[in-house]
Amino acid sequence: MSAGKFLGGFLIGGAVGALVGLLLAPQSGEETREMLGHRAKDIKQKAEGTVKEIQSRADEIVEDLQNKGDAIVNKIQGFINQQKA
Protein backbone atom coordinates (compact mmCIF):
# COMPACT_ATOMS: atom_id res chain seq x y z
CA MET A 1 0.00 0.00 0.00
CA SER A 2 1.42 3.37 -0.94
CA ALA A 3 1.90 6.06 1.65
CA GLY A 4 -0.34 8.46 -0.26
CA LYS A 5 -3.24 6.01 -0.31
CA PHE A 6 -2.77 5.29 3.38
CA LEU A 7 -2.72 8.96 4.31
CA GLY A 8 -5.74 9.68 2.09
CA GLY A 9 -7.69 6.83 3.67
CA PHE A 10 -6.64 7.97 7.10
CA LEU A 11 -7.93 11.50 6.49
CA ILE A 12 -11.18 10.33 4.88
CA GLY A 13 -11.76 7.94 7.78
CA GLY A 14 -11.29 10.75 10.25
CA ALA A 15 -13.71 12.99 8.37
CA VAL A 16 -16.34 10.23 8.17
CA GLY A 17 -15.94 9.52 11.87
CA ALA A 18 -16.42 13.19 12.71
CA LEU A 19 -19.52 13.39 10.52
CA VAL A 20 -21.07 10.30 12.09
CA GLY A 21 -20.32 11.73 15.52
CA LEU A 22 -22.10 14.94 14.58
CA LEU A 23 -25.15 13.17 13.28
CA LEU A 24 -25.53 10.91 16.30
CA ALA A 25 -24.60 13.37 19.06
CA PRO A 26 -27.54 14.89 20.99
CA GLN A 27 -25.78 18.07 22.06
CA SER A 28 -26.03 21.79 21.48
CA GLY A 29 -24.37 23.61 18.59
CA GLU A 30 -21.74 25.12 20.86
CA GLU A 31 -20.86 21.71 22.28
CA THR A 32 -20.77 20.26 18.78
CA ARG A 33 -18.40 22.98 17.56
CA GLU A 34 -16.14 22.39 20.55
CA MET A 35 -16.15 18.66 19.85
CA LEU A 36 -15.32 19.32 16.19
CA GLY A 37 -12.42 21.50 17.22
CA HIS A 38 -11.01 18.75 19.43
CA ARG A 39 -11.47 16.11 16.74
CA ALA A 40 -9.86 18.33 14.13
CA LYS A 41 -6.83 18.79 16.40
CA ASP A 42 -6.66 15.03 17.00
CA ILE A 43 -6.84 14.29 13.28
CA LYS A 44 -4.17 16.90 12.57
CA GLN A 45 -1.84 15.41 15.19
CA LYS A 46 -2.36 11.89 13.86
CA ALA A 47 -1.79 13.06 10.29
CA GLU A 48 1.41 14.85 11.31
CA GLY A 49 2.61 11.70 13.08
CA THR A 50 1.84 9.62 10.00
CA VAL A 51 3.67 12.06 7.74
CA LYS A 52 6.72 12.00 10.04
CA GLU A 53 6.68 8.19 10.01
CA ILE A 54 6.45 8.13 6.22
CA GLN A 55 9.30 10.64 5.93
CA SER A 56 11.44 8.58 8.29
CA ARG A 57 10.79 5.38 6.35
CA ALA A 58 11.50 7.15 3.06
CA ASP A 59 14.79 8.46 4.45
CA GLU A 60 15.76 4.94 5.50
CA ILE A 61 14.93 3.58 2.04
CA VAL A 62 16.91 6.33 0.31
CA GLU A 63 19.91 5.71 2.57
CA ASP A 64 19.72 1.97 1.91
CA LEU A 65 19.55 2.56 -1.85
CA GLN A 66 22.52 4.93 -1.68
CA ASN A 67 24.56 2.34 0.21
CA LYS A 68 23.66 -0.36 -2.29
CA GLY A 69 24.47 1.98 -5.17
CA ASP A 70 27.85 2.80 -3.64
CA ALA A 71 28.59 -0.91 -3.23
CA ILE A 72 27.72 -1.56 -6.88
CA VAL A 73 29.91 1.33 -8.05
CA ASN A 74 32.80 0.01 -5.94
CA LYS A 75 32.40 -3.48 -7.42
CA ILE A 76 32.33 -2.10 -10.95
CA GLN A 77 35.37 0.08 -10.24
CA GLY A 78 37.19 -2.96 -8.87
CA PHE A 79 36.28 -4.96 -11.94
CA ILE A 80 37.51 -2.17 -14.23
CA ASN A 81 40.77 -1.92 -12.30
CA GLN A 82 41.28 -5.69 -12.64
CA GLN A 83 40.75 -5.47 -16.39
CA LYS A 84 43.32 -2.68 -16.70
CA ALA A 85 45.95 -4.68 -14.82
PDB file of N, CA and C in Angstrom:
ATOM      1  N   MET A   1       0.853  -1.171   0.000  1.00  0.00           N
ATOM      2  CA  MET A   1       0.000   0.000   0.000  1.00  0.00           C
ATOM      3  C   MET A   1       0.894   1.227   0.000  1.00  0.00           C
ATOM      4  N   SER A   2       0.597   2.170  -0.877  1.00  0.00           N
ATOM      5  CA  SER A   2       1.422   3.369  -0.943  1.00  0.00           C
ATOM      6  C   SER A   2       1.098   4.306   0.214  1.00  0.00           C
ATOM      7  N   ALA A   3       2.062   5.123   0.538  1.00  0.00           N
ATOM      8  CA  ALA A   3       1.901   6.056   1.655  1.00  0.00           C
ATOM      9  C   ALA A   3       0.796   7.062   1.365  1.00  0.00           C
ATOM     10  N   GLY A   4       0.690   7.495   0.108  1.00  0.00           N
ATOM     11  CA  GLY A   4      -0.345   8.458  -0.262  1.00  0.00           C
ATOM     12  C   GLY A   4      -1.737   7.899  -0.071  1.00  0.00           C
ATOM     13  N   LYS A   5      -1.922   6.637  -0.471  1.00  0.00           N
ATOM     14  CA  LYS A   5      -3.238   6.005  -0.306  1.00  0.00           C
ATOM     15  C   LYS A   5      -3.562   5.847   1.170  1.00  0.00           C
ATOM     16  N   PHE A   6      -2.545   5.456   1.949  1.00  0.00           N
ATOM     17  CA  PHE A   6      -2.769   5.290   3.384  1.00  0.00           C
ATOM     18  C   PHE A   6      -3.175   6.606   4.027  1.00  0.00           C
ATOM     19  N   LEU A   7      -2.430   7.656   3.718  1.00  0.00           N
ATOM     20  CA  LEU A   7      -2.719   8.962   4.308  1.00  0.00           C
ATOM     21  C   LEU A   7      -4.095   9.462   3.869  1.00  0.00           C
ATOM     22  N   GLY A   8      -4.429   9.268   2.589  1.00  0.00           N
ATOM     23  CA  GLY A   8      -5.744   9.675   2.092  1.00  0.00           C
ATOM     24  C   GLY A   8      -6.860   8.933   2.807  1.00  0.00           C
ATOM     25  N   GLY A   9      -6.692   7.619   2.962  1.00  0.00           N
ATOM     26  CA  GLY A   9      -7.691   6.825   3.671  1.00  0.00           C
ATOM     27  C   GLY A   9      -7.806   7.229   5.125  1.00  0.00           C
ATOM     28  N   PHE A  10      -6.667   7.538   5.704  1.00  0.00           N
ATOM     29  CA  PHE A  10      -6.645   7.973   7.098  1.00  0.00           C
ATOM     30  C   PHE A  10      -7.454   9.263   7.273  1.00  0.00           C
ATOM     31  N   LEU A  11      -7.228  10.219   6.398  1.00  0.00           N
ATOM     32  CA  LEU A  11      -7.933  11.501   6.493  1.00  0.00           C
ATOM     33  C   LEU A  11      -9.424  11.353   6.204  1.00  0.00           C
ATOM     34  N   ILE A  12      -9.762  10.550   5.204  1.00  0.00           N
ATOM     35  CA  ILE A  12     -11.179  10.327   4.879  1.00  0.00           C
ATOM     36  C   ILE A  12     -11.865   9.628   6.043  1.00  0.00           C
ATOM     37  N   GLY A  13     -11.193   8.635   6.627  1.00  0.00           N
ATOM     38  CA  GLY A  13     -11.764   7.938   7.779  1.00  0.00           C
ATOM     39  C   GLY A  13     -12.027   8.877   8.945  1.00  0.00           C
ATOM     40  N   GLY A  14     -11.098   9.778   9.175  1.00  0.00           N
ATOM     41  CA  GLY A  14     -11.286  10.754  10.246  1.00  0.00           C
ATOM     42  C   GLY A  14     -12.467  11.672   9.985  1.00  0.00           C
ATOM     43  N   ALA A  15     -12.602  12.100   8.727  1.00  0.00           N
ATOM     44  CA  ALA A  15     -13.713  12.987   8.373  1.00  0.00           C
ATOM     45  C   ALA A  15     -15.047  12.257   8.505  1.00  0.00           C
ATOM     46  N   VAL A  16     -15.110  11.014   8.053  1.00  0.00           N
ATOM     47  CA  VAL A  16     -16.342  10.233   8.165  1.00  0.00           C
ATOM     48  C   VAL A  16     -16.687  10.016   9.632  1.00  0.00           C
ATOM     49  N   GLY A  17     -15.697   9.702  10.446  1.00  0.00           N
ATOM     50  CA  GLY A  17     -15.936   9.518  11.874  1.00  0.00           C
ATOM     51  C   GLY A  17     -16.480  10.778  12.527  1.00  0.00           C
ATOM     52  N   ALA A  18     -15.938  11.914  12.158  1.00  0.00           N
ATOM     53  CA  ALA A  18     -16.418  13.185  12.713  1.00  0.00           C
ATOM     54  C   ALA A  18     -17.856  13.452  12.280  1.00  0.00           C
ATOM     55  N   LEU A  19     -18.165  13.171  11.025  1.00  0.00           N
ATOM     56  CA  LEU A  19     -19.518  13.394  10.518  1.00  0.00           C
ATOM     57  C   LEU A  19     -20.517  12.496  11.231  1.00  0.00           C
ATOM     58  N   VAL A  20     -20.181  11.226  11.389  1.00  0.00           N
ATOM     59  CA  VAL A  20     -21.073  10.302  12.087  1.00  0.00           C
ATOM     60  C   VAL A  20     -21.269  10.769  13.528  1.00  0.00           C
ATOM     61  N   GLY A  21     -20.211  11.220  14.164  1.00  0.00           N
ATOM     62  CA  GLY A  21     -20.320  11.735  15.522  1.00  0.00           C
ATOM     63  C   GLY A  21     -21.260  12.920  15.606  1.00  0.00           C
ATOM     64  N   LEU A  22     -21.201  13.785  14.608  1.00  0.00           N
ATOM     65  CA  LEU A  22     -22.103  14.945  14.578  1.00  0.00           C
ATOM     66  C   LEU A  22     -23.555  14.521  14.441  1.00  0.00           C
ATOM     67  N   LEU A  23     -23.784  13.589  13.549  1.00  0.00           N
ATOM     68  CA  LEU A  23     -25.155  13.171  13.280  1.00  0.00           C
ATOM     69  C   LEU A  23     -25.782  12.419  14.449  1.00  0.00           C
ATOM     70  N   LEU A  24     -24.990  11.729  15.221  1.00  0.00           N
ATOM     71  CA  LEU A  24     -25.528  10.911  16.304  1.00  0.00           C
ATOM     72  C   LEU A  24     -25.462  11.590  17.671  1.00  0.00           C
ATOM     73  N   ALA A  25     -24.798  12.717  17.771  1.00  0.00           N
ATOM     74  CA  ALA A  25     -24.598  13.368  19.063  1.00  0.00           C
ATOM     75  C   ALA A  25     -25.787  14.278  19.411  1.00  0.00           C
ATOM     76  N   PRO A  26     -26.422  14.031  20.563  1.00  0.00           N
ATOM     77  CA  PRO A  26     -27.538  14.892  20.990  1.00  0.00           C
ATOM     78  C   PRO A  26     -27.045  16.047  21.868  1.00  0.00           C
ATOM     79  N   GLN A  27     -26.319  16.973  21.289  1.00  0.00           N
ATOM     80  CA  GLN A  27     -25.783  18.071  22.063  1.00  0.00           C
ATOM     81  C   GLN A  27     -26.032  19.393  21.343  1.00  0.00           C
ATOM     82  N   SER A  28     -25.775  20.465  22.040  1.00  0.00           N
ATOM     83  CA  SER A  28     -26.025  21.790  21.478  1.00  0.00           C
ATOM     84  C   SER A  28     -25.001  22.124  20.402  1.00  0.00           C
ATOM     85  N   GLY A  29     -25.284  23.168  19.636  1.00  0.00           N
ATOM     86  CA  GLY A  29     -24.370  23.611  18.588  1.00  0.00           C
ATOM     87  C   GLY A  29     -23.018  24.006  19.136  1.00  0.00           C
ATOM     88  N   GLU A  30     -23.011  24.690  20.257  1.00  0.00           N
ATOM     89  CA  GLU A  30     -21.745  25.118  20.864  1.00  0.00           C
ATOM     90  C   GLU A  30     -20.916  23.902  21.276  1.00  0.00           C
ATOM     91  N   GLU A  31     -21.564  22.931  21.888  1.00  0.00           N
ATOM     92  CA  GLU A  31     -20.856  21.711  22.284  1.00  0.00           C
ATOM     93  C   GLU A  31     -20.345  20.958  21.056  1.00  0.00           C
ATOM     94  N   THR A  32     -21.157  20.947  20.009  1.00  0.00           N
ATOM     95  CA  THR A  32     -20.766  20.258  18.776  1.00  0.00           C
ATOM     96  C   THR A  32     -19.547  20.934  18.155  1.00  0.00           C
ATOM     97  N   ARG A  33     -19.547  22.266  18.106  1.00  0.00           N
ATOM     98  CA  ARG A  33     -18.402  22.985  17.558  1.00  0.00           C
ATOM     99  C   ARG A  33     -17.143  22.727  18.379  1.00  0.00           C
ATOM    100  N   GLU A  34     -17.286  22.678  19.680  1.00  0.00           N
ATOM    101  CA  GLU A  34     -16.138  22.392  20.545  1.00  0.00           C
ATOM    102  C   GLU A  34     -15.615  20.976  20.272  1.00  0.00           C
ATOM    103  N   MET A  35     -16.541  20.035  20.135  1.00  0.00           N
ATOM    104  CA  MET A  35     -16.152  18.662  19.852  1.00  0.00           C
ATOM    105  C   MET A  35     -15.439  18.584  18.499  1.00  0.00           C
ATOM    106  N   LEU A  36     -15.959  19.303  17.513  1.00  0.00           N
ATOM    107  CA  LEU A  36     -15.322  19.316  16.193  1.00  0.00           C
ATOM    108  C   LEU A  36     -13.909  19.877  16.267  1.00  0.00           C
ATOM    109  N   GLY A  37     -13.748  20.914  17.057  1.00  0.00           N
ATOM    110  CA  GLY A  37     -12.420  21.499  17.221  1.00  0.00           C
ATOM    111  C   GLY A  37     -11.432  20.502  17.806  1.00  0.00           C
ATOM    112  N   HIS A  38     -11.883  19.761  18.811  1.00  0.00           N
ATOM    113  CA  HIS A  38     -11.015  18.754  19.428  1.00  0.00           C
ATOM    114  C   HIS A  38     -10.692  17.637  18.434  1.00  0.00           C
ATOM    115  N   ARG A  39     -11.701  17.193  17.717  1.00  0.00           N
ATOM    116  CA  ARG A  39     -11.466  16.115  16.744  1.00  0.00           C
ATOM    117  C   ARG A  39     -10.546  16.575  15.624  1.00  0.00           C
ATOM    118  N   ALA A  40     -10.724  17.812  15.190  1.00  0.00           N
ATOM    119  CA  ALA A  40      -9.855  18.330  14.131  1.00  0.00           C
ATOM    120  C   ALA A  40      -8.401  18.363  14.607  1.00  0.00           C
ATOM    121  N   LYS A  41      -8.185  18.773  15.843  1.00  0.00           N
ATOM    122  CA  LYS A  41      -6.825  18.786  16.403  1.00  0.00           C
ATOM    123  C   LYS A  41      -6.257  17.370  16.485  1.00  0.00           C
ATOM    124  N   ASP A  42      -7.106  16.427  16.917  1.00  0.00           N
ATOM    125  CA  ASP A  42      -6.656  15.028  17.002  1.00  0.00           C
ATOM    126  C   ASP A  42      -6.277  14.496  15.624  1.00  0.00           C
ATOM    127  N   ILE A  43      -7.106  14.765  14.644  1.00  0.00           N
ATOM    128  CA  ILE A  43      -6.843  14.294  13.278  1.00  0.00           C
ATOM    129  C   ILE A  43      -5.556  14.926  12.753  1.00  0.00           C
ATOM    130  N   LYS A  44      -5.383  16.208  13.018  1.00  0.00           N
ATOM    131  CA  LYS A  44      -4.168  16.896  12.566  1.00  0.00           C
ATOM    132  C   LYS A  44      -2.931  16.274  13.206  1.00  0.00           C
ATOM    133  N   GLN A  45      -2.989  16.010  14.498  1.00  0.00           N
ATOM    134  CA  GLN A  45      -1.842  15.411  15.193  1.00  0.00           C
ATOM    135  C   GLN A  45      -1.537  14.023  14.645  1.00  0.00           C
ATOM    136  N   LYS A  46      -2.577  13.225  14.405  1.00  0.00           N
ATOM    137  CA  LYS A  46      -2.365  11.886  13.862  1.00  0.00           C
ATOM    138  C   LYS A  46      -1.789  11.962  12.449  1.00  0.00           C
ATOM    139  N   ALA A  47      -2.295  12.893  11.657  1.00  0.00           N
ATOM    140  CA  ALA A  47      -1.788  13.057  10.292  1.00  0.00           C
ATOM    141  C   ALA A  47      -0.322  13.487  10.315  1.00  0.00           C
ATOM    142  N   GLU A  48       0.015  14.403  11.198  1.00  0.00           N
ATOM    143  CA  GLU A  48       1.413  14.846  11.307  1.00  0.00           C
ATOM    144  C   GLU A  48       2.313  13.684  11.727  1.00  0.00           C
ATOM    145  N   GLY A  49       1.840  12.869  12.659  1.00  0.00           N
ATOM    146  CA  GLY A  49       2.608  11.704  13.078  1.00  0.00           C
ATOM    147  C   GLY A  49       2.805  10.726  11.932  1.00  0.00           C
ATOM    148  N   THR A  50       1.754  10.527  11.150  1.00  0.00           N
ATOM    149  CA  THR A  50       1.838   9.622  10.003  1.00  0.00           C
ATOM    150  C   THR A  50       2.810  10.164   8.966  1.00  0.00           C
ATOM    151  N   VAL A  51       2.758  11.451   8.712  1.00  0.00           N
ATOM    152  CA  VAL A  51       3.668  12.063   7.742  1.00  0.00           C
ATOM    153  C   VAL A  51       5.115  11.919   8.221  1.00  0.00           C
ATOM    154  N   LYS A  52       5.361  12.145   9.497  1.00  0.00           N
ATOM    155  CA  LYS A  52       6.723  12.004  10.037  1.00  0.00           C
ATOM    156  C   LYS A  52       7.208  10.561   9.895  1.00  0.00           C
ATOM    157  N   GLU A  53       6.315   9.604  10.152  1.00  0.00           N
ATOM    158  CA  GLU A  53       6.685   8.194  10.014  1.00  0.00           C
ATOM    159  C   GLU A  53       7.010   7.864   8.560  1.00  0.00           C
ATOM    160  N   ILE A  54       6.204   8.366   7.646  1.00  0.00           N
ATOM    161  CA  ILE A  54       6.447   8.128   6.216  1.00  0.00           C
ATOM    162  C   ILE A  54       7.767   8.755   5.798  1.00  0.00           C
ATOM    163  N   GLN A  55       8.045   9.976   6.256  1.00  0.00           N
ATOM    164  CA  GLN A  55       9.304  10.639   5.929  1.00  0.00           C
ATOM    165  C   GLN A  55      10.495   9.851   6.469  1.00  0.00           C
ATOM    166  N   SER A  56      10.352   9.352   7.681  1.00  0.00           N
ATOM    167  CA  SER A  56      11.436   8.580   8.289  1.00  0.00           C
ATOM    168  C   SER A  56      11.699   7.302   7.501  1.00  0.00           C
ATOM    169  N   ARG A  57      10.640   6.613   7.125  1.00  0.00           N
ATOM    170  CA  ARG A  57      10.794   5.378   6.350  1.00  0.00           C
ATOM    171  C   ARG A  57      11.378   5.677   4.980  1.00  0.00           C
ATOM    172  N   ALA A  58      10.950   6.775   4.368  1.00  0.00           N
ATOM    173  CA  ALA A  58      11.497   7.150   3.055  1.00  0.00           C
ATOM    174  C   ALA A  58      12.986   7.467   3.177  1.00  0.00           C
ATOM    175  N   ASP A  59      13.369   8.160   4.233  1.00  0.00           N
ATOM    176  CA  ASP A  59      14.789   8.464   4.449  1.00  0.00           C
ATOM    177  C   ASP A  59      15.600   7.183   4.598  1.00  0.00           C
ATOM    178  N   GLU A  60      15.062   6.219   5.330  1.00  0.00           N
ATOM    179  CA  GLU A  60      15.758   4.941   5.503  1.00  0.00           C
ATOM    180  C   GLU A  60      15.915   4.221   4.165  1.00  0.00           C
ATOM    181  N   ILE A  61      14.877   4.246   3.352  1.00  0.00           N
ATOM    182  CA  ILE A  61      14.925   3.582   2.041  1.00  0.00           C
ATOM    183  C   ILE A  61      15.948   4.258   1.145  1.00  0.00           C
ATOM    184  N   VAL A  62      15.953   5.585   1.134  1.00  0.00           N
ATOM    185  CA  VAL A  62      16.913   6.325   0.307  1.00  0.00           C
ATOM    186  C   VAL A  62      18.332   6.020   0.755  1.00  0.00           C
ATOM    187  N   GLU A  63      18.570   6.002   2.065  1.00  0.00           N
ATOM    188  CA  GLU A  63      19.911   5.713   2.570  1.00  0.00           C
ATOM    189  C   GLU A  63      20.340   4.293   2.174  1.00  0.00           C
ATOM    190  N   ASP A  64      19.426   3.350   2.292  1.00  0.00           N
ATOM    191  CA  ASP A  64      19.723   1.967   1.912  1.00  0.00           C
ATOM    192  C   ASP A  64      20.063   1.878   0.422  1.00  0.00           C
ATOM    193  N   LEU A  65      19.285   2.566  -0.406  1.00  0.00           N
ATOM    194  CA  LEU A  65      19.549   2.559  -1.849  1.00  0.00           C
ATOM    195  C   LEU A  65      20.896   3.206  -2.166  1.00  0.00           C
ATOM    196  N   GLN A  66      21.223   4.283  -1.464  1.00  0.00           N
ATOM    197  CA  GLN A  66      22.519   4.932  -1.679  1.00  0.00           C
ATOM    198  C   GLN A  66      23.664   3.995  -1.313  1.00  0.00           C
ATOM    199  N   ASN A  67      23.516   3.283  -0.203  1.00  0.00           N
ATOM    200  CA  ASN A  67      24.559   2.338   0.211  1.00  0.00           C
ATOM    201  C   ASN A  67      24.709   1.215  -0.804  1.00  0.00           C
ATOM    202  N   LYS A  68      23.603   0.698  -1.289  1.00  0.00           N
ATOM    203  CA  LYS A  68      23.665  -0.361  -2.293  1.00  0.00           C
ATOM    204  C   LYS A  68      24.266   0.156  -3.601  1.00  0.00           C
ATOM    205  N   GLY A  69      23.907   1.380  -3.967  1.00  0.00           N
ATOM    206  CA  GLY A  69      24.473   1.985  -5.169  1.00  0.00           C
ATOM    207  C   GLY A  69      25.978   2.173  -5.035  1.00  0.00           C
ATOM    208  N   ASP A  70      26.411   2.631  -3.881  1.00  0.00           N
ATOM    209  CA  ASP A  70      27.849   2.800  -3.642  1.00  0.00           C
ATOM    210  C   ASP A  70      28.580   1.460  -3.729  1.00  0.00           C
ATOM    211  N   ALA A  71      27.972   0.418  -3.182  1.00  0.00           N
ATOM    212  CA  ALA A  71      28.591  -0.910  -3.232  1.00  0.00           C
ATOM    213  C   ALA A  71      28.712  -1.393  -4.673  1.00  0.00           C
ATOM    214  N   ILE A  72      27.685  -1.153  -5.470  1.00  0.00           N
ATOM    215  CA  ILE A  72      27.722  -1.560  -6.882  1.00  0.00           C
ATOM    216  C   ILE A  72      28.806  -0.788  -7.632  1.00  0.00           C
ATOM    217  N   VAL A  73      28.884   0.511  -7.382  1.00  0.00           N
ATOM    218  CA  VAL A  73      29.906   1.330  -8.047  1.00  0.00           C
ATOM    219  C   VAL A  73      31.299   0.836  -7.656  1.00  0.00           C
ATOM    220  N   ASN A  74      31.489   0.516  -6.395  1.00  0.00           N
ATOM    221  CA  ASN A  74      32.796   0.009  -5.940  1.00  0.00           C
ATOM    222  C   ASN A  74      33.134  -1.316  -6.622  1.00  0.00           C
ATOM    223  N   LYS A  75      32.159  -2.194  -6.757  1.00  0.00           N
ATOM    224  CA  LYS A  75      32.401  -3.475  -7.422  1.00  0.00           C
ATOM    225  C   LYS A  75      32.753  -3.265  -8.895  1.00  0.00           C
ATOM    226  N   ILE A  76      32.039  -2.375  -9.539  1.00  0.00           N
ATOM    227  CA  ILE A  76      32.328  -2.095 -10.948  1.00  0.00           C
ATOM    228  C   ILE A  76      33.714  -1.485 -11.091  1.00  0.00           C
ATOM    229  N   GLN A  77      34.041  -0.547 -10.198  1.00  0.00           N
ATOM    230  CA  GLN A  77      35.366   0.079 -10.237  1.00  0.00           C
ATOM    231  C   GLN A  77      36.453  -0.967 -10.019  1.00  0.00           C
ATOM    232  N   GLY A  78      36.234  -1.884  -9.096  1.00  0.00           N
ATOM    233  CA  GLY A  78      37.192  -2.956  -8.866  1.00  0.00           C
ATOM    234  C   GLY A  78      37.343  -3.847 -10.085  1.00  0.00           C
ATOM    235  N   PHE A  79      36.246  -4.141 -10.730  1.00  0.00           N
ATOM    236  CA  PHE A  79      36.282  -4.962 -11.939  1.00  0.00           C
ATOM    237  C   PHE A  79      37.057  -4.243 -13.049  1.00  0.00           C
ATOM    238  N   ILE A  80      36.800  -2.958 -13.212  1.00  0.00           N
ATOM    239  CA  ILE A  80      37.515  -2.169 -14.232  1.00  0.00           C
ATOM    240  C   ILE A  80      39.001  -2.142 -13.933  1.00  0.00           C
ATOM    241  N   ASN A  81      39.359  -1.951 -12.689  1.00  0.00           N
ATOM    242  CA  ASN A  81      40.772  -1.921 -12.296  1.00  0.00           C
ATOM    243  C   ASN A  81      41.437  -3.265 -12.560  1.00  0.00           C
ATOM    244  N   GLN A  82      40.745  -4.353 -12.352  1.00  0.00           N
ATOM    245  CA  GLN A  82      41.282  -5.686 -12.640  1.00  0.00           C
ATOM    246  C   GLN A  82      41.523  -5.856 -14.146  1.00  0.00           C
ATOM    247  N   GLN A  83      40.620  -5.335 -14.941  1.00  0.00           N
ATOM    248  CA  GLN A  83      40.749  -5.474 -16.388  1.00  0.00           C
ATOM    249  C   GLN A  83      41.919  -4.644 -16.923  1.00  0.00           C
ATOM    250  N   LYS A  84      42.203  -3.534 -16.274  1.00  0.00           N
ATOM    251  CA  LYS A  84      43.315  -2.679 -16.700  1.00  0.00           C
ATOM    252  C   LYS A  84      44.658  -3.324 -16.349  1.00  0.00           C
ATOM    253  N   ALA A  85      44.694  -4.105 -15.303  1.00  0.00           N
ATOM    254  CA  ALA A  85      45.947  -4.683 -14.823  1.00  0.00           C
ATOM    255  C   ALA A  85      46.417  -5.840 -15.677  1.00  0.00           C
TER     256      ALA A  85
END
